[in-house]
């Protein structure tokens, strides 16, 4: 049996990931990021309850450029996980499984994530 010119299995160079699969993977990654972000949240609570010096140290780290990047990424992960979770809840009720609807809702989740993250940081 000759497979001349054909790959043995799909590879990233020839296989295009559907947006729904990409969002499924990102949903898992954002869940892990939120779990890791709880460490930062716990640090903030501990610093706030310990006293002014500890909170000033946290505020100094949080207001630095790397701290701001981490906080913005954490809020983006939160809004993405929230929006995609609502999308999954709608699926649990049996709606939105048509290919066009699933693709449209996936893009809506991405746009909503950007809008909510930007709006949050404009207000804060």
N, C-alpha and C. Protein backbone atom coordinates (compact mmCIF):
# COMPACT_ATOMS: atom_id res chain seq x y z
N UNK A 1 0.85 -1.17 0.00
CA UNK A 1 0.00 0.00 0.00
C UNK A 1 0.90 1.23 0.00
N UNK A 2 0.70 2.11 -0.96
CA UNK A 2 1.54 3.28 -1.11
C UNK A 2 0.77 4.53 -0.72
N UNK A 3 1.38 5.35 0.13
CA UNK A 3 0.79 6.63 0.54
C UNK A 3 1.65 7.78 0.02
N UNK A 4 2.05 7.69 -1.21
CA UNK A 4 2.97 8.70 -1.74
C UNK A 4 2.33 10.08 -1.72
N UNK A 5 3.03 11.00 -1.07
CA UNK A 5 2.57 12.38 -1.06
C UNK A 5 1.51 12.70 -0.02
N UNK A 6 1.05 11.70 0.71
CA UNK A 6 0.01 11.95 1.71
C UNK A 6 0.60 11.79 3.11
N UNK A 7 0.22 12.69 4.02
CA UNK A 7 0.73 12.54 5.39
C UNK A 7 0.06 11.35 6.07
N UNK A 8 0.77 10.80 7.05
CA UNK A 8 0.23 9.66 7.78
C UNK A 8 -0.86 10.07 8.76
N UNK A 9 -0.79 11.28 9.26
CA UNK A 9 -1.80 11.77 10.19
C UNK A 9 -1.92 13.28 10.04
N UNK A 10 -3.03 13.85 10.49
CA UNK A 10 -3.16 15.31 10.39
C UNK A 10 -2.07 16.00 11.19
N UNK A 11 -1.58 17.08 10.66
CA UNK A 11 -0.53 17.84 11.31
C UNK A 11 -0.96 19.30 11.33
N UNK A 12 -0.37 20.08 12.22
CA UNK A 12 -0.76 21.47 12.37
C UNK A 12 -0.65 22.26 11.08
N UNK A 13 0.25 21.85 10.20
CA UNK A 13 0.42 22.61 8.97
C UNK A 13 -0.70 22.36 7.96
N UNK A 14 -1.44 21.28 8.11
CA UNK A 14 -2.50 21.00 7.15
C UNK A 14 -3.88 20.98 7.79
N UNK A 15 -3.95 21.01 9.12
CA UNK A 15 -5.23 20.91 9.81
C UNK A 15 -5.58 22.26 10.40
N UNK A 16 -6.75 22.78 10.07
CA UNK A 16 -7.20 24.07 10.58
C UNK A 16 -8.12 23.83 11.76
N UNK A 17 -7.74 24.36 12.92
CA UNK A 17 -8.57 24.19 14.12
C UNK A 17 -9.85 24.99 13.98
N UNK A 18 -10.98 24.37 14.24
CA UNK A 18 -12.23 25.14 14.26
C UNK A 18 -12.23 26.07 15.48
N UNK A 19 -12.94 27.17 15.37
CA UNK A 19 -12.98 28.15 16.45
C UNK A 19 -13.58 27.53 17.72
N UNK A 20 -14.51 26.60 17.56
CA UNK A 20 -15.11 25.98 18.74
C UNK A 20 -14.08 25.13 19.50
N UNK A 21 -13.20 24.47 18.78
CA UNK A 21 -12.17 23.68 19.44
C UNK A 21 -11.16 24.59 20.13
N UNK A 22 -10.83 25.69 19.49
CA UNK A 22 -9.90 26.64 20.08
C UNK A 22 -10.47 27.21 21.38
N UNK A 23 -11.76 27.56 21.37
CA UNK A 23 -12.37 28.09 22.58
C UNK A 23 -12.48 27.04 23.68
N UNK A 24 -12.65 25.80 23.31
CA UNK A 24 -12.69 24.73 24.30
C UNK A 24 -11.34 24.62 25.01
N UNK A 25 -10.27 24.69 24.25
CA UNK A 25 -8.93 24.63 24.83
C UNK A 25 -8.67 25.88 25.68
N UNK A 26 -9.05 27.05 25.17
CA UNK A 26 -8.86 28.29 25.92
C UNK A 26 -9.69 28.31 27.20
N UNK A 27 -10.86 27.67 27.18
CA UNK A 27 -11.69 27.60 28.38
C UNK A 27 -10.97 26.84 29.49
N UNK A 28 -10.34 25.75 29.12
CA UNK A 28 -9.56 24.98 30.11
C UNK A 28 -8.36 25.78 30.60
N UNK A 29 -7.67 26.45 29.70
CA UNK A 29 -6.50 27.25 30.08
C UNK A 29 -6.92 28.40 30.99
N UNK A 30 -8.04 29.04 30.67
CA UNK A 30 -8.49 30.15 31.51
C UNK A 30 -8.91 29.66 32.89
N UNK A 31 -9.46 28.46 32.98
CA UNK A 31 -9.79 27.89 34.28
C UNK A 31 -8.56 27.67 35.13
N UNK A 32 -7.50 27.18 34.51
CA UNK A 32 -6.24 26.99 35.23
C UNK A 32 -5.66 28.35 35.63
N UNK A 33 -5.73 29.33 34.73
CA UNK A 33 -5.22 30.67 35.04
C UNK A 33 -5.99 31.29 36.20
N UNK A 34 -7.29 31.08 36.26
CA UNK A 34 -8.06 31.60 37.37
C UNK A 34 -7.68 30.92 38.68
N UNK A 35 -7.39 29.65 38.62
CA UNK A 35 -6.95 28.94 39.82
C UNK A 35 -5.61 29.47 40.30
N UNK A 36 -4.69 29.69 39.38
CA UNK A 36 -3.39 30.25 39.75
C UNK A 36 -3.56 31.69 40.24
N UNK A 37 -4.50 32.42 39.65
CA UNK A 37 -4.76 33.80 40.06
C UNK A 37 -5.30 33.91 41.47
N UNK A 38 -5.83 32.82 41.99
CA UNK A 38 -6.29 32.84 43.38
C UNK A 38 -5.14 33.08 44.35
N UNK A 39 -3.93 32.72 43.95
CA UNK A 39 -2.75 32.98 44.78
C UNK A 39 -2.55 34.50 44.91
N UNK A 40 -2.69 35.21 43.80
CA UNK A 40 -2.56 36.67 43.83
C UNK A 40 -3.69 37.27 44.67
N UNK A 41 -4.88 36.75 44.53
CA UNK A 41 -6.02 37.23 45.31
C UNK A 41 -5.79 36.99 46.80
N UNK A 42 -5.28 35.82 47.15
CA UNK A 42 -4.99 35.51 48.55
C UNK A 42 -3.89 36.43 49.08
N UNK A 43 -2.88 36.73 48.25
CA UNK A 43 -1.83 37.65 48.65
C UNK A 43 -2.41 39.03 48.94
N UNK A 44 -3.33 39.47 48.07
CA UNK A 44 -3.98 40.77 48.27
C UNK A 44 -4.76 40.80 49.58
N UNK A 45 -5.54 39.75 49.84
CA UNK A 45 -6.31 39.70 51.09
C UNK A 45 -5.39 39.67 52.31
N UNK A 46 -4.34 38.88 52.24
CA UNK A 46 -3.39 38.78 53.34
C UNK A 46 -2.69 40.12 53.58
N UNK A 47 -2.29 40.76 52.50
CA UNK A 47 -1.63 42.07 52.62
C UNK A 47 -2.58 43.11 53.20
N UNK A 48 -3.85 43.07 52.79
CA UNK A 48 -4.82 44.03 53.30
C UNK A 48 -5.10 43.82 54.78
N UNK A 49 -5.08 42.58 55.21
CA UNK A 49 -5.38 42.30 56.62
C UNK A 49 -4.16 42.42 57.52
N UNK A 50 -2.96 42.39 56.95
CA UNK A 50 -1.74 42.43 57.76
C UNK A 50 -1.38 43.84 58.20
N UNK A 51 -1.52 44.79 57.29
CA UNK A 51 -1.18 46.16 57.67
C UNK A 51 -0.74 46.99 56.49
N UNK A 52 -0.44 48.24 56.76
CA UNK A 52 -0.12 49.19 55.71
C UNK A 52 1.15 48.86 54.95
N UNK A 53 2.16 48.39 55.66
CA UNK A 53 3.44 48.10 54.98
C UNK A 53 3.29 46.93 54.00
N UNK A 54 2.60 45.89 54.42
CA UNK A 54 2.40 44.73 53.55
C UNK A 54 1.53 45.10 52.36
N UNK A 55 0.52 45.93 52.61
CA UNK A 55 -0.34 46.33 51.49
C UNK A 55 0.40 47.25 50.53
N UNK A 56 1.26 48.10 51.06
CA UNK A 56 2.06 48.98 50.19
C UNK A 56 2.99 48.15 49.31
N UNK A 57 3.54 47.08 49.87
CA UNK A 57 4.40 46.20 49.08
C UNK A 57 3.60 45.54 47.96
N UNK A 58 2.39 45.05 48.29
CA UNK A 58 1.53 44.44 47.25
C UNK A 58 1.16 45.47 46.20
N UNK A 59 0.77 46.66 46.65
CA UNK A 59 0.36 47.71 45.71
C UNK A 59 1.52 48.11 44.80
N UNK A 60 2.73 48.11 45.33
CA UNK A 60 3.89 48.42 44.50
C UNK A 60 4.10 47.40 43.40
N UNK A 61 3.94 46.13 43.75
CA UNK A 61 4.09 45.07 42.74
C UNK A 61 2.93 45.11 41.75
N UNK A 62 1.72 45.31 42.25
CA UNK A 62 0.54 45.30 41.39
C UNK A 62 0.52 46.49 40.44
N UNK A 63 1.12 47.61 40.84
CA UNK A 63 1.10 48.79 39.97
C UNK A 63 2.28 48.83 38.99
N UNK A 64 3.20 47.89 39.11
CA UNK A 64 4.31 47.83 38.16
C UNK A 64 3.80 47.30 36.82
N UNK A 65 4.60 47.44 35.77
CA UNK A 65 4.19 46.97 34.45
C UNK A 65 3.91 45.46 34.43
N UNK A 66 4.81 44.62 34.98
CA UNK A 66 4.48 43.18 35.01
C UNK A 66 3.23 42.88 35.85
N UNK A 67 3.07 43.62 36.93
CA UNK A 67 1.88 43.43 37.77
C UNK A 67 0.60 43.79 37.03
N UNK A 68 0.65 44.89 36.28
CA UNK A 68 -0.51 45.30 35.49
C UNK A 68 -0.84 44.28 34.40
N UNK A 69 0.20 43.74 33.77
CA UNK A 69 -0.02 42.71 32.74
C UNK A 69 -0.68 41.49 33.35
N UNK A 70 -0.22 41.07 34.52
CA UNK A 70 -0.82 39.90 35.19
C UNK A 70 -2.27 40.19 35.55
N UNK A 71 -2.55 41.37 36.09
CA UNK A 71 -3.92 41.70 36.47
C UNK A 71 -4.85 41.80 35.26
N UNK A 72 -4.36 42.38 34.18
CA UNK A 72 -5.18 42.47 32.96
C UNK A 72 -5.42 41.07 32.39
N UNK A 73 -4.40 40.23 32.38
CA UNK A 73 -4.57 38.86 31.89
C UNK A 73 -5.53 38.08 32.78
N UNK A 74 -5.45 38.30 34.09
CA UNK A 74 -6.36 37.63 35.02
C UNK A 74 -7.80 38.06 34.77
N UNK A 75 -8.01 39.36 34.57
CA UNK A 75 -9.37 39.82 34.31
C UNK A 75 -9.87 39.34 32.95
N UNK A 76 -9.01 39.27 31.96
CA UNK A 76 -9.41 38.73 30.65
C UNK A 76 -9.78 37.26 30.77
N UNK A 77 -9.00 36.50 31.54
CA UNK A 77 -9.32 35.08 31.76
C UNK A 77 -10.66 34.95 32.47
N UNK A 78 -10.91 35.83 33.43
CA UNK A 78 -12.19 35.79 34.15
C UNK A 78 -13.36 36.06 33.20
N UNK A 79 -13.28 37.13 32.43
CA UNK A 79 -14.39 37.47 31.53
C UNK A 79 -14.57 36.43 30.42
N UNK A 80 -13.46 35.87 29.93
CA UNK A 80 -13.57 34.82 28.92
C UNK A 80 -14.24 33.58 29.50
N UNK A 81 -13.79 33.17 30.69
CA UNK A 81 -14.34 31.97 31.31
C UNK A 81 -15.82 32.18 31.64
N UNK A 82 -16.18 33.38 32.07
CA UNK A 82 -17.58 33.69 32.36
C UNK A 82 -18.43 33.63 31.09
N UNK A 83 -18.00 34.30 30.04
CA UNK A 83 -18.78 34.33 28.80
C UNK A 83 -18.88 32.95 28.17
N UNK A 84 -17.78 32.22 28.14
CA UNK A 84 -17.81 30.88 27.56
C UNK A 84 -18.60 29.92 28.44
N UNK A 85 -18.58 30.13 29.74
CA UNK A 85 -19.39 29.32 30.64
C UNK A 85 -20.87 29.52 30.40
N UNK A 86 -21.27 30.76 30.15
CA UNK A 86 -22.68 31.03 29.82
C UNK A 86 -23.03 30.38 28.49
N UNK A 87 -22.11 30.40 27.56
CA UNK A 87 -22.31 29.72 26.27
C UNK A 87 -22.53 28.22 26.48
N UNK A 88 -21.73 27.63 27.34
CA UNK A 88 -21.90 26.21 27.65
C UNK A 88 -23.21 25.95 28.37
N UNK A 89 -23.65 26.88 29.20
CA UNK A 89 -24.93 26.73 29.89
C UNK A 89 -26.08 26.72 28.87
N UNK A 90 -25.98 27.58 27.87
CA UNK A 90 -27.00 27.58 26.81
C UNK A 90 -26.97 26.25 26.07
N UNK A 91 -25.78 25.72 25.83
CA UNK A 91 -25.68 24.41 25.20
C UNK A 91 -26.30 23.32 26.06
N UNK A 92 -26.16 23.44 27.38
CA UNK A 92 -26.75 22.45 28.28
C UNK A 92 -28.27 22.40 28.16
N UNK A 93 -28.86 23.52 27.77
CA UNK A 93 -30.31 23.54 27.54
C UNK A 93 -30.68 23.06 26.15
N UNK A 94 -29.68 22.72 25.34
CA UNK A 94 -29.92 22.13 24.03
C UNK A 94 -30.00 23.11 22.88
N UNK A 95 -29.54 24.34 23.08
CA UNK A 95 -29.60 25.35 22.03
C UNK A 95 -28.20 25.67 21.52
N UNK A 96 -28.11 26.09 20.26
CA UNK A 96 -26.88 26.62 19.71
C UNK A 96 -25.90 25.59 19.18
N UNK A 97 -26.38 24.39 18.86
CA UNK A 97 -25.47 23.36 18.37
C UNK A 97 -25.27 23.39 16.85
N UNK A 98 -26.07 24.17 16.13
CA UNK A 98 -25.89 24.26 14.69
C UNK A 98 -24.53 24.90 14.43
N UNK A 99 -23.88 24.48 13.37
CA UNK A 99 -22.50 24.92 13.11
C UNK A 99 -22.40 26.44 13.02
N UNK A 100 -23.30 27.06 12.29
CA UNK A 100 -23.25 28.52 12.14
C UNK A 100 -23.48 29.22 13.48
N UNK A 101 -24.40 28.71 14.27
CA UNK A 101 -24.69 29.30 15.57
C UNK A 101 -23.52 29.10 16.53
N UNK A 102 -22.93 27.91 16.52
CA UNK A 102 -21.78 27.64 17.40
C UNK A 102 -20.60 28.54 17.04
N UNK A 103 -20.35 28.71 15.76
CA UNK A 103 -19.25 29.58 15.33
C UNK A 103 -19.53 31.05 15.68
N UNK A 104 -20.76 31.49 15.46
CA UNK A 104 -21.11 32.87 15.77
C UNK A 104 -21.01 33.13 17.28
N UNK A 105 -21.47 32.19 18.08
CA UNK A 105 -21.39 32.39 19.53
C UNK A 105 -19.94 32.36 20.01
N UNK A 106 -19.09 31.60 19.33
CA UNK A 106 -17.67 31.57 19.69
C UNK A 106 -17.04 32.93 19.43
N UNK A 107 -17.30 33.50 18.29
CA UNK A 107 -16.75 34.83 17.99
C UNK A 107 -17.34 35.88 18.93
N UNK A 108 -18.62 35.72 19.27
CA UNK A 108 -19.26 36.65 20.21
C UNK A 108 -18.56 36.60 21.57
N UNK A 109 -18.21 35.40 22.03
CA UNK A 109 -17.50 35.24 23.30
C UNK A 109 -16.16 35.97 23.25
N UNK A 110 -15.43 35.85 22.16
CA UNK A 110 -14.13 36.52 22.05
C UNK A 110 -14.28 38.04 22.05
N UNK A 111 -15.25 38.54 21.30
CA UNK A 111 -15.49 39.99 21.25
C UNK A 111 -15.95 40.49 22.61
N UNK A 112 -16.86 39.74 23.25
CA UNK A 112 -17.35 40.14 24.56
C UNK A 112 -16.23 40.14 25.60
N UNK A 113 -15.31 39.22 25.49
CA UNK A 113 -14.18 39.18 26.40
C UNK A 113 -13.34 40.45 26.28
N UNK A 114 -13.04 40.84 25.06
CA UNK A 114 -12.25 42.06 24.84
C UNK A 114 -13.01 43.29 25.34
N UNK A 115 -14.30 43.37 25.03
CA UNK A 115 -15.09 44.54 25.43
C UNK A 115 -15.20 44.62 26.95
N UNK A 116 -15.51 43.51 27.61
CA UNK A 116 -15.66 43.53 29.07
C UNK A 116 -14.34 43.82 29.77
N UNK A 117 -13.26 43.26 29.26
CA UNK A 117 -11.94 43.52 29.86
C UNK A 117 -11.58 44.99 29.70
N UNK A 118 -11.76 45.54 28.52
CA UNK A 118 -11.45 46.95 28.29
C UNK A 118 -12.34 47.85 29.14
N UNK A 119 -13.63 47.55 29.20
CA UNK A 119 -14.55 48.35 30.00
C UNK A 119 -14.19 48.30 31.48
N UNK A 120 -13.81 47.14 31.96
CA UNK A 120 -13.42 46.99 33.36
C UNK A 120 -12.21 47.86 33.68
N UNK A 121 -11.20 47.85 32.80
CA UNK A 121 -9.99 48.60 33.08
C UNK A 121 -10.16 50.10 32.84
N UNK A 122 -11.16 50.50 32.05
CA UNK A 122 -11.46 51.91 31.90
C UNK A 122 -12.13 52.41 33.18
N UNK A 123 -13.02 51.61 33.75
CA UNK A 123 -13.72 52.00 34.96
C UNK A 123 -12.78 52.00 36.16
N UNK A 124 -11.90 50.98 36.23
CA UNK A 124 -10.98 50.88 37.37
C UNK A 124 -9.92 51.92 37.20
